Amino acid sequence: MRAAMATAEVDDDVLGVDPTAFRLESEVAEIMGKEAGLFVLSGTMGNLVSVLVHCDTRGSEVILGDNSHIHIYENGGIATIGGVHPRPVKNNEDGTMDIDSIEAAIRDPRGELLYPTTRLICLENSHANSGGRCLSVEYTDRVGELAKKHGLKLHVDGARIFNASVALGVPVNRLVQAADSVSVCLSKGLGAPVGSVIVGSKSFIAKARILRKTLGGGTRQVGLICAAAFVALKENVEKLEGDHRKAKILAEGLNQIKGLKVDVAAVETNIINVDIVDSKFTAEQLHKHLEEHGVLVMSKGQFRSVFSIVNHPFRFARKWTKLEFVARTK
């Protein structure tokens, strides 16, 4: 990746003429089966830009999971910056929302004098807070059909969409076929140093480019970063199956440790949820203990920690992995 960065051909991406950025955006768009793509600095920026393009009128409403990343971990940006009202629907344990519940949450247009106007539905695949569970193509298609029935758009937060594709054995373009837009993270499962690409129609991306600039996401010679992301895209998708296999092995081993409980059957991708059932220690104590033994931890909330174990070339040559291990106190 660093060698690719050193030799990357660059130009001014704010003006849309950085050739390496354009190559990455075009490649991701083609893989996803969409017309065009746009590089953004993070998945949060990608989701925010996508929501604001679809909900371009303040007071619009988006239906999304109550346990989704957009709703919980993205600083309320759709509301604070975009004036978009979230309409959360309960996430099931597998990351889905009941179709009937989604439809029931859609506002009746006749009530626009009193209520926000529903314009968008958001899904997340794989679903991080559900332990990396995968939304099937059949489910996504049904949500897409519901969106079209009511004149709505569908956005997929695809932070780990390649993990879902590999785990389900479904080509990624087919998995997101029903979506009007997708945010594709290249720095999580694929190990790029920075960035995501949002994809959609040419008109969607044209509007997204303006919003990216508004949010401070115009980064001039961004091809330096895109070059590394392109390597990740080309070389690391094929490694995800191995990550999933290792996660399953680790889950089975953790489940045999006294005081820990893992739903091994629920481990579908690279995330493991571990319940601490022994009151003698907490997630924070486990966090500290593992760190003392050289297992680096990235905390995500009071009882949530992400653990890593294999080499990541951009994390100061310390040992990490694309495998995420979440510990929580039950």
C-alpha atoms as a PDB file:
ATOM      1  CA  MET A   1       0.000   0.000   0.000  1.00  0.00           C
ATOM      2  CA  ARG A   2       2.771   2.440   0.874  1.00  0.00           C
ATOM      3  CA  ALA A   3       4.551   1.691  -2.395  1.00  0.00           C
ATOM      4  CA  ALA A   4       1.302   2.405  -4.282  1.00  0.00           C
ATOM      5  CA  MET A   5       0.953   5.697  -2.433  1.00  0.00           C
ATOM      6  CA  ALA A   6       4.514   6.714  -3.288  1.00  0.00           C
ATOM      7  CA  THR A   7       3.964   6.233  -7.018  1.00  0.00           C
ATOM      8  CA  ALA A   8       0.321   7.386  -7.241  1.00  0.00           C
ATOM      9  CA  GLU A   9      -0.588   9.751 -10.058  1.00  0.00           C
ATOM     10  CA  VAL A  10      -2.502  12.661  -8.539  1.00  0.00           C
ATOM     11  CA  ASP A  11      -4.274  15.885  -9.434  1.00  0.00           C
ATOM     12  CA  ASP A  12      -6.989  18.100  -7.926  1.00  0.00           C
ATOM     13  CA  ASP A  13      -9.876  15.938  -6.774  1.00  0.00           C
ATOM     14  CA  VAL A  14     -11.942  18.936  -5.647  1.00  0.00           C
ATOM     15  CA  LEU A  15     -12.127  19.746  -9.353  1.00  0.00           C
ATOM     16  CA  GLY A  16     -12.749  16.062 -10.123  1.00  0.00           C
ATOM     17  CA  VAL A  17      -9.535  15.442 -12.037  1.00  0.00           C
ATOM     18  CA  ASP A  18      -7.466  13.211  -9.736  1.00  0.00           C
ATOM     19  CA  PRO A  19      -6.909  10.104 -11.924  1.00  0.00           C
ATOM     20  CA  THR A  20      -6.238   7.683  -9.051  1.00  0.00           C
ATOM     21  CA  ALA A  21      -9.336   8.778  -7.158  1.00  0.00           C
ATOM     22  CA  PHE A  22     -11.390   8.435 -10.345  1.00  0.00           C
ATOM     23  CA  ARG A  23     -10.011   4.936 -10.957  1.00  0.00           C
ATOM     24  CA  LEU A  24     -10.948   3.819  -7.439  1.00  0.00           C
ATOM     25  CA  GLU A  25     -14.416   5.395  -7.607  1.00  0.00           C
ATOM     26  CA  SER A  26     -15.116   3.832 -11.002  1.00  0.00           C
ATOM     27  CA  GLU A  27     -13.911   0.410  -9.885  1.00  0.00           C
ATOM     28  CA  VAL A  28     -16.064   0.380  -6.734  1.00  0.00           C
ATOM     29  CA  ALA A  29     -19.095   1.613  -8.688  1.00  0.00           C
ATOM     30  CA  GLU A  30     -18.651  -1.158 -11.264  1.00  0.00           C
ATOM     31  CA  ILE A  31     -18.234  -3.819  -8.575  1.00  0.00           C
ATOM     32  CA  MET A  32     -21.410  -2.578  -6.868  1.00  0.00           C
ATOM     33  CA  GLY A  33     -23.360  -2.383 -10.112  1.00  0.00           C
ATOM     34  CA  LYS A  34     -23.959   1.370  -9.861  1.00  0.00           C
ATOM     35  CA  GLU A  35     -23.342   4.205 -12.305  1.00  0.00           C
ATOM     36  CA  ALA A  36     -20.804   6.258 -10.370  1.00  0.00           C
ATOM     37  CA  GLY A  37     -18.858   6.569  -7.129  1.00  0.00           C
ATOM     38  CA  LEU A  38     -17.343   9.202  -4.861  1.00  0.00           C
ATOM     39  CA  PHE A  39     -14.460   8.826  -2.399  1.00  0.00           C
ATOM     40  CA  VAL A  40     -15.128  10.168   1.099  1.00  0.00           C
ATOM     41  CA  LEU A  41     -12.901  10.223   4.159  1.00  0.00           C
ATOM     42  CA  SER A  42     -15.021   7.985   6.382  1.00  0.00           C
ATOM     43  CA  GLY A  43     -18.091   5.789   6.520  1.00  0.00           C
ATOM     44  CA  THR A  44     -19.780   8.389   8.721  1.00  0.00           C
ATOM     45  CA  MET A  45     -19.224  11.049   6.065  1.00  0.00           C
ATOM     46  CA  GLY A  46     -20.446   8.632   3.403  1.00  0.00           C
ATOM     47  CA  ASN A  47     -23.666   7.890   5.249  1.00  0.00           C
ATOM     48  CA  LEU A  48     -24.254  11.549   6.089  1.00  0.00           C
ATOM     49  CA  VAL A  49     -23.739  12.698   2.510  1.00  0.00           C
ATOM     50  CA  SER A  50     -25.999   9.914   1.210  1.00  0.00           C
ATOM     51  CA  VAL A  51     -28.817  10.689   3.636  1.00  0.00           C
ATOM     52  CA  LEU A  52     -28.630  14.406   2.874  1.00  0.00           C
ATOM     53  CA  VAL A  53     -28.774  13.828  -0.879  1.00  0.00           C
ATOM     54  CA  HIS A  54     -31.913  11.723  -0.530  1.00  0.00           C
ATOM     55  CA  CYS A  55     -33.455  13.984   2.138  1.00  0.00           C
ATOM     56  CA  ASP A  56     -32.721  17.339   0.549  1.00  0.00           C
ATOM     57  CA  THR A  57     -35.599  19.099   2.316  1.00  0.00           C
ATOM     58  CA  ARG A  58     -35.181  19.944   5.996  1.00  0.00           C
ATOM     59  CA  GLY A  59     -37.778  18.125   8.079  1.00  0.00           C
ATOM     60  CA  SER A  60     -37.498  14.968   5.974  1.00  0.00           C
ATOM     61  CA  GLU A  61     -37.594  11.659   7.843  1.00  0.00           C
ATOM     62  CA  VAL A  62     -35.480   8.523   7.501  1.00  0.00           C
ATOM     63  CA  ILE A  63     -36.523   5.084   8.741  1.00  0.00           C
ATOM     64  CA  LEU A  64     -33.591   3.152  10.211  1.00  0.00           C
ATOM     65  CA  GLY A  65     -32.785   0.510  12.808  1.00  0.00           C
ATOM     66  CA  ASP A  66     -32.782   1.520  16.464  1.00  0.00           C
ATOM     67  CA  ASN A  67     -29.483  -0.349  16.867  1.00  0.00           C
ATOM     68  CA  SER A  68     -27.891   0.826  13.626  1.00  0.00           C
ATOM     69  CA  HIS A  69     -24.566   2.587  13.274  1.00  0.00           C
ATOM     70  CA  ILE A  70     -26.119   5.679  11.684  1.00  0.00           C
ATOM     71  CA  HIS A  71     -28.565   6.054  14.554  1.00  0.00           C
ATOM     72  CA  ILE A  72     -26.161   5.395  17.440  1.00  0.00           C
ATOM     73  CA  TYR A  73     -22.543   6.070  16.485  1.00  0.00           C
ATOM     74  CA  GLU A  74     -22.564   8.909  13.959  1.00  0.00           C
ATOM     75  CA  ASN A  75     -23.020  11.843  16.335  1.00  0.00           C
ATOM     76  CA  GLY A  76     -26.600  12.510  15.266  1.00  0.00           C
ATOM     77  CA  GLY A  77     -25.216  14.169  12.154  1.00  0.00           C
ATOM     78  CA  ILE A  78     -28.278  13.630   9.985  1.00  0.00           C
ATOM     79  CA  ALA A  79     -30.289  15.717  12.464  1.00  0.00           C
ATOM     80  CA  THR A  80     -27.729  18.262  13.666  1.00  0.00           C
ATOM     81  CA  ILE A  81     -26.337  19.056  10.227  1.00  0.00           C
ATOM     82  CA  GLY A  82     -29.081  18.019   7.834  1.00  0.00           C
ATOM     83  CA  GLY A  83     -32.273  18.670   9.771  1.00  0.00           C
ATOM     84  CA  VAL A  84     -33.325  15.092   8.995  1.00  0.00           C
ATOM     85  CA  HIS A  85     -35.576  13.381  11.542  1.00  0.00           C
ATOM     86  CA  PRO A  86     -34.710   9.763  12.442  1.00  0.00           C
ATOM     87  CA  ARG A  87     -37.619   7.318  12.738  1.00  0.00           C
ATOM     88  CA  PRO A  88     -36.077   4.268  14.464  1.00  0.00           C
ATOM     89  CA  VAL A  89     -37.594   0.824  14.051  1.00  0.00           C
ATOM     90  CA  LYS A  90     -36.563  -2.053  16.316  1.00  0.00           C
ATOM     91  CA  ASN A  91     -33.716  -4.157  15.003  1.00  0.00           C
ATOM     92  CA  ASN A  92     -34.123  -7.889  15.394  1.00  0.00           C
ATOM     93  CA  GLU A  93     -31.203  -9.971  16.690  1.00  0.00           C
ATOM     94  CA  ASP A  94     -30.160 -10.702  13.105  1.00  0.00           C
ATOM     95  CA  GLY A  95     -29.981  -7.011  12.182  1.00  0.00           C
ATOM     96  CA  THR A  96     -33.201  -6.932  10.167  1.00  0.00           C
ATOM     97  CA  MET A  97     -36.276  -4.833  10.843  1.00  0.00           C
ATOM     98  CA  ASP A  98     -39.700  -6.399  10.407  1.00  0.00           C
ATOM     99  CA  ILE A  99     -41.092  -5.407   7.016  1.00  0.00           C
ATOM    100  CA  ASP A 100     -44.503  -4.670   8.514  1.00  0.00           C
ATOM    101  CA  SER A 101     -42.882  -2.426  11.127  1.00  0.00           C
ATOM    102  CA  ILE A 102     -41.028  -0.509   8.430  1.00  0.00           C
ATOM    103  CA  GLU A 103     -44.213   0.021   6.477  1.00  0.00           C
ATOM    104  CA  ALA A 104     -46.090   1.078   9.605  1.00  0.00           C
ATOM    105  CA  ALA A 105     -43.412   3.720  10.250  1.00  0.00           C
ATOM    106  CA  ILE A 106     -43.926   5.398   6.863  1.00  0.00           C
ATOM    107  CA  ARG A 107     -45.811   8.648   7.365  1.00  0.00           C
ATOM    108  CA  ASP A 108     -49.158   9.151   5.637  1.00  0.00           C
ATOM    109  CA  PRO A 109     -48.574  12.010   3.159  1.00  0.00           C
ATOM    110  CA  ARG A 110     -51.972  13.401   4.143  1.00  0.00           C
ATOM    111  CA  GLY A 111     -50.500  14.244   7.533  1.00  0.00           C
ATOM    112  CA  GLU A 112     -47.707  16.473   6.212  1.00  0.00           C
ATOM    113  CA  LEU A 113     -49.149  19.452   8.078  1.00  0.00           C
ATOM    114  CA  LEU A 114     -48.262  17.711  11.348  1.00  0.00           C
ATOM    115  CA  TYR A 115     -45.603  15.087  10.612  1.00  0.00           C
ATOM    116  CA  PRO A 116     -42.198  14.873   8.934  1.00  0.00           C
ATOM    117  CA  THR A 117     -42.187  13.501   5.397  1.00  0.00           C
ATOM    118  CA  THR A 118     -40.693  10.020   4.995  1.00  0.00           C
ATOM    119  CA  ARG A 119     -38.150   9.999   2.180  1.00  0.00           C
ATOM    120  CA  LEU A 120     -35.630   7.250   2.922  1.00  0.00           C
ATOM    121  CA  ILE A 121     -35.069   3.797   4.439  1.00  0.00           C
ATOM    122  CA  CYS A 122     -31.596   2.787   5.657  1.00  0.00           C
ATOM    123  CA  LEU A 123     -30.251  -0.740   6.125  1.00  0.00           C
ATOM    124  CA  GLU A 124     -26.866  -1.875   7.449  1.00  0.00           C
ATOM    125  CA  ASN A 125     -25.087  -4.925   6.027  1.00  0.00           C
ATOM    126  CA  SER A 126     -23.414  -6.608   7.759  1.00  0.00           C
ATOM    127  CA  HIS A 127     -24.990  -5.348  10.971  1.00  0.00           C
ATOM    128  CA  ALA A 128     -22.261  -4.473  13.463  1.00  0.00           C
ATOM    129  CA  ASN A 129     -24.292  -4.224  16.665  1.00  0.00           C
ATOM    130  CA  SER A 130     -25.923  -7.558  15.901  1.00  0.00           C
ATOM    131  CA  GLY A 131     -22.502  -9.190  15.816  1.00  0.00           C
ATOM    132  CA  GLY A 132     -21.802  -8.907  12.100  1.00  0.00           C
ATOM    133  CA  ARG A 133     -24.979 -10.690  11.033  1.00  0.00           C
ATOM    134  CA  CYS A 134     -25.780 -10.566   7.312  1.00  0.00           C
ATOM    135  CA  LEU A 135     -28.944  -9.288   5.657  1.00  0.00           C
ATOM    136  CA  SER A 136     -29.974 -11.672   2.885  1.00  0.00           C
ATOM    137  CA  VAL A 137     -30.473 -10.525  -0.677  1.00  0.00           C
ATOM    138  CA  GLU A 138     -34.114 -11.624  -0.425  1.00  0.00           C
ATOM    139  CA  TYR A 139     -34.666  -9.382   2.581  1.00  0.00           C
ATOM    140  CA  THR A 140     -32.950  -6.412   0.955  1.00  0.00           C
ATOM    141  CA  ASP A 141     -35.027  -6.895  -2.189  1.00  0.00           C
ATOM    142  CA  ARG A 142     -38.237  -6.880  -0.123  1.00  0.00           C
ATOM    143  CA  VAL A 143     -37.252  -3.625   1.562  1.00  0.00           C
ATOM    144  CA  GLY A 144     -36.384  -2.192  -1.831  1.00  0.00           C
ATOM    145  CA  GLU A 145     -39.791  -3.169  -3.192  1.00  0.00           C
ATOM    146  CA  LEU A 146     -41.452  -1.548  -0.176  1.00  0.00           C
ATOM    147  CA  ALA A 147     -39.470   1.640  -0.730  1.00  0.00           C
ATOM    148  CA  LYS A 148     -40.510   1.826  -4.378  1.00  0.00           C
ATOM    149  CA  LYS A 149     -44.136   1.137  -3.477  1.00  0.00           C
ATOM    150  CA  HIS A 150     -44.155   4.263  -1.326  1.00  0.00           C
ATOM    151  CA  GLY A 151     -41.906   6.420  -3.508  1.00  0.00           C
ATOM    152  CA  LEU A 152     -38.962   6.240  -1.101  1.00  0.00           C
ATOM    153  CA  LYS A 153     -35.225   5.706  -1.583  1.00  0.00           C
ATOM    154  CA  LEU A 154     -33.137   2.907  -0.046  1.00  0.00           C
ATOM    155  CA  HIS A 155     -29.619   3.466   1.303  1.00  0.00           C
ATOM    156  CA  VAL A 156     -27.382   0.621   2.478  1.00  0.00           C
ATOM    157  CA  ASP A 157     -24.667   1.310   5.028  1.00  0.00           C
ATOM    158  CA  GLY A 158     -22.205  -1.187   3.617  1.00  0.00           C
ATOM    159  CA  ALA A 159     -19.351  -0.640   6.045  1.00  0.00           C
ATOM    160  CA  ARG A 160     -18.718  -4.405   5.862  1.00  0.00           C
ATOM    161  CA  ILE A 161     -20.662  -5.197   2.689  1.00  0.00           C
ATOM    162  CA  PHE A 162     -17.838  -7.366   1.313  1.00  0.00           C
ATOM    163  CA  ASN A 163     -17.921  -9.457   4.497  1.00  0.00           C
ATOM    164  CA  ALA A 164     -21.655  -9.959   3.990  1.00  0.00           C
ATOM    165  CA  SER A 165     -21.189 -10.861   0.325  1.00  0.00           C
ATOM    166  CA  VAL A 166     -18.512 -13.452   1.108  1.00  0.00           C
ATOM    167  CA  ALA A 167     -20.445 -14.954   4.032  1.00  0.00           C
ATOM    168  CA  LEU A 168     -23.675 -15.236   2.044  1.00  0.00           C
ATOM    169  CA  GLY A 169     -22.005 -16.420  -1.157  1.00  0.00           C
ATOM    170  CA  VAL A 170     -23.830 -13.718  -3.100  1.00  0.00           C
ATOM    171  CA  PRO A 171     -22.069 -11.340  -5.537  1.00  0.00           C
ATOM    172  CA  VAL A 172     -21.885  -7.917  -3.945  1.00  0.00           C
ATOM    173  CA  ASN A 173     -23.595  -6.182  -6.880  1.00  0.00           C
ATOM    174  CA  ARG A 174     -26.576  -8.521  -6.527  1.00  0.00           C
ATOM    175  CA  LEU A 175     -26.651  -7.980  -2.768  1.00  0.00           C
ATOM    176  CA  VAL A 176     -27.141  -4.210  -3.194  1.00  0.00           C
ATOM    177  CA  GLN A 177     -29.125  -4.271  -6.425  1.00  0.00           C
ATOM    178  CA  ALA A 178     -32.239  -2.889  -4.715  1.00  0.00           C
ATOM    179  CA  ALA A 179     -30.357   0.038  -3.130  1.00  0.00           C
ATOM    180  CA  ASP A 180     -30.349   3.548  -4.551  1.00  0.00           C
ATOM    181  CA  SER A 181     -27.067   4.260  -2.773  1.00  0.00           C
ATOM    182  CA  VAL A 182     -24.429   2.338  -0.837  1.00  0.00           C
ATOM    183  CA  SER A 183     -21.618   3.490   1.453  1.00  0.00           C
ATOM    184  CA  VAL A 184     -18.707   1.075   1.014  1.00  0.00           C
ATOM    185  CA  CYS A 185     -15.968   1.192   3.665  1.00  0.00           C
ATOM    186  CA  LEU A 186     -12.471   0.219   2.513  1.00  0.00           C
ATOM    187  CA  SER A 187     -10.717   0.612   5.860  1.00  0.00           C
ATOM    188  CA  LYS A 188     -12.540  -1.932   8.019  1.00  0.00           C
ATOM    189  CA  GLY A 189     -12.568  -5.480   6.675  1.00  0.00           C
ATOM    190  CA  LEU A 190     -10.310  -4.595   3.746  1.00  0.00           C
ATOM    191  CA  GLY A 191      -7.615  -2.820   5.746  1.00  0.00           C
ATOM    192  CA  ALA A 192      -7.080   0.406   3.778  1.00  0.00           C
ATOM    193  CA  PRO A 193      -5.669   3.273   5.869  1.00  0.00           C
ATOM    194  CA  VAL A 194      -8.538   5.682   5.208  1.00  0.00           C
ATOM    195  CA  GLY A 195     -11.784   6.022   3.382  1.00  0.00           C
ATOM    196  CA  SER A 196     -15.053   4.865   1.909  1.00  0.00           C
ATOM    197  CA  VAL A 197     -16.693   5.155  -1.493  1.00  0.00           C
ATOM    198  CA  ILE A 198     -20.364   5.981  -1.893  1.00  0.00           C
ATOM    199  CA  VAL A 199     -22.043   4.721  -5.062  1.00  0.00           C
ATOM    200  CA  GLY A 200     -25.292   5.430  -6.840  1.00  0.00           C
ATOM    201  CA  SER A 201     -26.650   7.052  -9.986  1.00  0.00           C
ATOM    202  CA  LYS A 202     -24.702   9.776 -11.792  1.00  0.00           C
ATOM    203  CA  SER A 203     -27.172  12.412 -10.609  1.00  0.00           C
ATOM    204  CA  PHE A 204     -26.887  11.160  -7.014  1.00  0.00           C
ATOM    205  CA  ILE A 205     -23.077  11.370  -7.112  1.00  0.00           C
ATOM    206  CA  ALA A 206     -23.160  14.855  -8.667  1.00  0.00           C
ATOM    207  CA  LYS A 207     -25.183  16.094  -5.683  1.00  0.00           C
ATOM    208  CA  ALA A 208     -23.012  14.092  -3.272  1.00  0.00           C
ATOM    209  CA  ARG A 209     -19.850  15.771  -4.600  1.00  0.00           C
ATOM    210  CA  ILE A 210     -21.248  19.197  -3.668  1.00  0.00           C
ATOM    211  CA  LEU A 211     -22.242  18.036  -0.197  1.00  0.00           C
ATOM    212  CA  ARG A 212     -18.835  16.445   0.362  1.00  0.00           C
ATOM    213  CA  LYS A 213     -17.250  19.839  -0.293  1.00  0.00           C
ATOM    214  CA  THR A 214     -19.727  21.512   2.059  1.00  0.00           C
ATOM    215  CA  LEU A 215     -18.707  19.101   4.824  1.00  0.00           C
ATOM    216  CA  GLY A 216     -15.012  19.778   4.333  1.00  0.00           C
ATOM    217  CA  GLY A 217     -14.341  16.591   2.427  1.00  0.00           C
ATOM    218  CA  GLY A 218     -12.594  18.121  -0.568  1.00  0.00           C
ATOM    219  CA  THR A 219      -9.001  16.932  -0.174  1.00  0.00           C
ATOM    220  CA  ARG A 220      -7.173  17.923  -3.378  1.00  0.00           C
ATOM    221  CA  GLN A 221      -4.523  15.241  -4.145  1.00  0.00           C
ATOM    222  CA  VAL A 222      -6.525  12.486  -2.462  1.00  0.00           C
ATOM    223  CA  GLY A 223      -5.158   9.953  -4.946  1.00  0.00           C
ATOM    224  CA  LEU A 224      -2.359   9.319  -2.437  1.00  0.00           C
ATOM    225  CA  ILE A 225      -4.919   7.720  -0.117  1.00  0.00           C
ATOM    226  CA  CYS A 226      -6.994   6.182  -2.890  1.00  0.00           C
ATOM    227  CA  ALA A 227      -3.951   4.306  -4.186  1.00  0.00           C
ATOM    228  CA  ALA A 228      -3.705   2.360  -0.928  1.00  0.00           C
ATOM    229  CA  ALA A 229      -7.459   1.779  -0.885  1.00  0.00           C
ATOM    230  CA  PHE A 230      -7.248   0.380  -4.422  1.00  0.00           C
ATOM    231  CA  VAL A 231      -4.687  -2.187  -3.269  1.00  0.00           C
ATOM    232  CA  ALA A 232      -7.002  -3.175  -0.414  1.00  0.00           C
ATOM    233  CA  LEU A 233      -9.893  -3.570  -2.826  1.00  0.00           C
ATOM    234  CA  LYS A 234      -7.912  -5.730  -5.228  1.00  0.00           C
ATOM    235  CA  GLU A 235      -6.006  -7.919  -2.764  1.00  0.00           C
ATOM    236  CA  ASN A 236      -7.974  -8.272   0.456  1.00  0.00           C
ATOM    237  CA  VAL A 237     -11.513  -9.284  -0.490  1.00  0.00           C
ATOM    238  CA  GLU A 238     -10.285 -12.811  -1.103  1.00  0.00           C
ATOM    239  CA  LYS A 239      -8.906 -12.935   2.455  1.00  0.00           C
ATOM    240  CA  LEU A 240     -12.262 -12.322   4.144  1.00  0.00           C
ATOM    241  CA  GLU A 241     -13.331 -15.961   4.055  1.00  0.00           C
ATOM    242  CA  GLY A 242     -10.243 -16.788   6.121  1.00  0.00           C
ATOM    243  CA  ASP A 243     -11.101 -14.030   8.584  1.00  0.00           C
ATOM    244  CA  HIS A 244     -14.571 -15.493   9.034  1.00  0.00           C
ATOM    245  CA  ARG A 245     -13.166 -18.958   9.572  1.00  0.00           C
ATOM    246  CA  LYS A 246     -10.761 -17.671  12.225  1.00  0.00           C
ATOM    247  CA  ALA A 247     -13.568 -15.762  13.935  1.00  0.00           C
ATOM    248  CA  LYS A 248     -15.609 -18.948  14.193  1.00  0.00           C
ATOM    249  CA  ILE A 249     -12.656 -20.864  15.662  1.00  0.00           C
ATOM    250  CA  LEU A 250     -12.019 -18.091  18.175  1.00  0.00           C
ATOM    251  CA  ALA A 251     -15.705 -17.946  19.099  1.00  0.00           C
ATOM    252  CA  GLU A 252     -15.779 -21.675  19.790  1.00  0.00           C
ATOM    253  CA  GLY A 253     -12.689 -21.371  21.981  1.00  0.00           C
ATOM    254  CA  LEU A 254     -13.967 -18.360  23.908  1.00  0.00           C
ATOM    255  CA  ASN A 255     -17.243 -20.125  24.551  1.00  0.00           C
ATOM    256  CA  GLN A 256     -15.336 -22.838  26.423  1.00  0.00           C
ATOM    257  CA  ILE A 257     -13.827 -20.343  28.880  1.00  0.00           C
ATOM    258  CA  LYS A 258     -15.576 -20.250  32.240  1.00  0.00           C
ATOM    259  CA  GLY A 259     -17.299 -16.905  32.786  1.00  0.00           C
ATOM    260  CA  LEU A 260     -17.723 -16.146  29.076  1.00  0.00           C
ATOM    261  CA  LYS A 261     -20.617 -16.964  26.812  1.00  0.00           C
ATOM    262  CA  VAL A 262     -20.695 -16.765  23.018  1.00  0.00           C
ATOM    263  CA  ASP A 263     -23.557 -17.518  20.646  1.00  0.00           C
ATOM    264  CA  VAL A 264     -21.303 -19.372  18.207  1.00  0.00           C
ATOM    265  CA  ALA A 265     -24.102 -19.922  15.690  1.00  0.00           C
ATOM    266  CA  ALA A 266     -24.533 -16.148  15.409  1.00  0.00           C
ATOM    267  CA  VAL A 267     -20.916 -15.604  14.313  1.00  0.00           C
ATOM    268  CA  GLU A 268     -21.357 -15.176  10.561  1.00  0.00           C
ATOM    269  CA  THR A 269     -18.514 -12.816   9.651  1.00  0.00           C
ATOM    270  CA  ASN A 270     -15.630 -11.203  11.561  1.00  0.00           C
ATOM    271  CA  ILE A 271     -17.331  -9.982  14.748  1.00  0.00           C
ATOM    272  CA  ILE A 272     -17.778 -11.926  17.974  1.00  0.00           C
ATOM    273  CA  ASN A 273     -20.096 -10.795  20.769  1.00  0.00           C
ATOM    274  CA  VAL A 274     -19.001 -12.116  24.138  1.00  0.00           C
ATOM    275  CA  ASP A 275     -21.243 -11.984  27.196  1.00  0.00           C
ATOM    276  CA  ILE A 276     -19.444 -11.873  30.541  1.00  0.00           C
ATOM    277  CA  VAL A 277     -21.580 -14.025  32.813  1.00  0.00           C
ATOM    278  CA  ASP A 278     -19.206 -14.134  35.780  1.00  0.00           C
ATOM    279  CA  SER A 279     -19.808 -11.247  38.191  1.00  0.00           C
ATOM    280  CA  LYS A 280     -16.219 -11.497  39.450  1.00  0.00           C
ATOM    281  CA  PHE A 281     -14.905  -9.401  36.549  1.00  0.00           C
ATOM    282  CA  THR A 282     -16.151  -6.781  34.086  1.00  0.00           C
ATOM    283  CA  ALA A 283     -15.520  -5.869  30.453  1.00  0.00           C
ATOM    284  CA  GLU A 284     -13.267  -3.013  31.591  1.00  0.00           C
ATOM    285  CA  GLN A 285     -11.125  -5.386  33.646  1.00  0.00           C
ATOM    286  CA  LEU A 286     -10.881  -7.783  30.709  1.00  0.00           C
ATOM    287  CA  HIS A 287      -9.986  -4.852  28.476  1.00  0.00           C
ATOM    288  CA  LYS A 288      -7.120  -3.846  30.775  1.00  0.00           C
ATOM    289  CA  HIS A 289      -5.901  -7.399  31.304  1.00  0.00           C
ATOM    290  CA  LEU A 290      -5.695  -8.130  27.581  1.00  0.00           C
ATOM    291  CA  GLU A 291      -3.939  -4.836  26.921  1.00  0.00           C
ATOM    292  CA  GLU A 292      -1.326  -5.750  29.537  1.00  0.00           C
ATOM    293  CA  HIS A 293      -0.701  -8.951  27.584  1.00  0.00           C
ATOM    294  CA  GLY A 294      -0.178  -7.210  24.261  1.00  0.00           C
ATOM    295  CA  VAL A 295      -3.708  -7.498  22.839  1.00  0.00           C
ATOM    296  CA  LEU A 296      -4.609  -3.990  21.707  1.00  0.00           C
ATOM    297  CA  VAL A 297      -8.130  -2.770  22.394  1.00  0.00           C
ATOM    298  CA  MET A 298     -10.238  -0.020  20.851  1.00  0.00           C
ATOM    299  CA  SER A 299     -13.124   0.851  23.151  1.00  0.00           C
ATOM    300  CA  LYS A 300     -16.558   1.511  21.691  1.00  0.00           C
ATOM    301  CA  GLY A 301     -18.910   2.481  24.482  1.00  0.00           C
ATOM    302  CA  GLN A 302     -19.070   1.584  28.131  1.00  0.00           C
ATOM    303  CA  PHE A 303     -18.920  -2.187  27.808  1.00  0.00           C
ATOM    304  CA  ARG A 304     -17.886  -2.575  24.199  1.00  0.00           C
ATOM    305  CA  SER A 305     -14.345  -3.132  23.060  1.00  0.00           C
ATOM    306  CA  VAL A 306     -12.890  -4.102  19.710  1.00  0.00           C
ATOM    307  CA  PHE A 307      -9.927  -6.434  19.881  1.00  0.00           C
ATOM    308  CA  SER A 308      -7.464  -7.112  17.098  1.00  0.00           C
ATOM    309  CA  ILE A 309      -4.738  -9.614  16.409  1.00  0.00           C
ATOM    310  CA  VAL A 310      -2.885  -9.720  12.988  1.00  0.00           C
ATOM    311  CA  ASN A 311      -0.710  -7.238  11.142  1.00  0.00           C
ATOM    312  CA  HIS A 312      -2.241  -4.003   9.854  1.00  0.00           C
ATOM    313  CA  PRO A 313       0.325  -2.009   7.816  1.00  0.00           C
ATOM    314  CA  PHE A 314      -1.008   1.400   8.778  1.00  0.00           C
ATOM    315  CA  ARG A 315      -1.381   1.052  12.537  1.00  0.00           C
ATOM    316  CA  PHE A 316       2.192   1.932  13.472  1.00  0.00           C
ATOM    317  CA  ALA A 317       3.398  -1.609  12.701  1.00  0.00           C
ATOM    318  CA  ARG A 318       1.716  -2.844  15.868  1.00  0.00           C
ATOM    319  CA  LYS A 319      -0.319  -6.016  15.798  1.00  0.00           C
ATOM    320  CA  TRP A 320      -3.975  -5.728  14.870  1.00  0.00           C
ATOM    321  CA  THR A 321      -6.403  -7.685  12.759  1.00  0.00           C
ATOM    322  CA  LYS A 322      -9.525  -7.317  10.719  1.00  0.00           C
ATOM    323  CA  LEU A 323     -11.174  -9.587  13.270  1.00  0.00           C
ATOM    324  CA  GLU A 324     -13.293  -7.685  15.765  1.00  0.00           C
ATOM    325  CA  PHE A 325     -13.965  -9.108  19.213  1.00  0.00           C
ATOM    326  CA  VAL A 326     -16.604  -7.308  21.265  1.00  0.00           C
ATOM    327  CA  ALA A 327     -16.780  -7.807  25.034  1.00  0.00           C
ATOM    328  CA  ARG A 328     -19.783  -6.622  26.985  1.00  0.00           C
ATOM    329  CA  THR A 329     -21.046  -7.083  30.499  1.00  0.00           C
ATOM    330  CA  LYS A 330     -24.414  -8.793  30.608  1.00  0.00           C
END
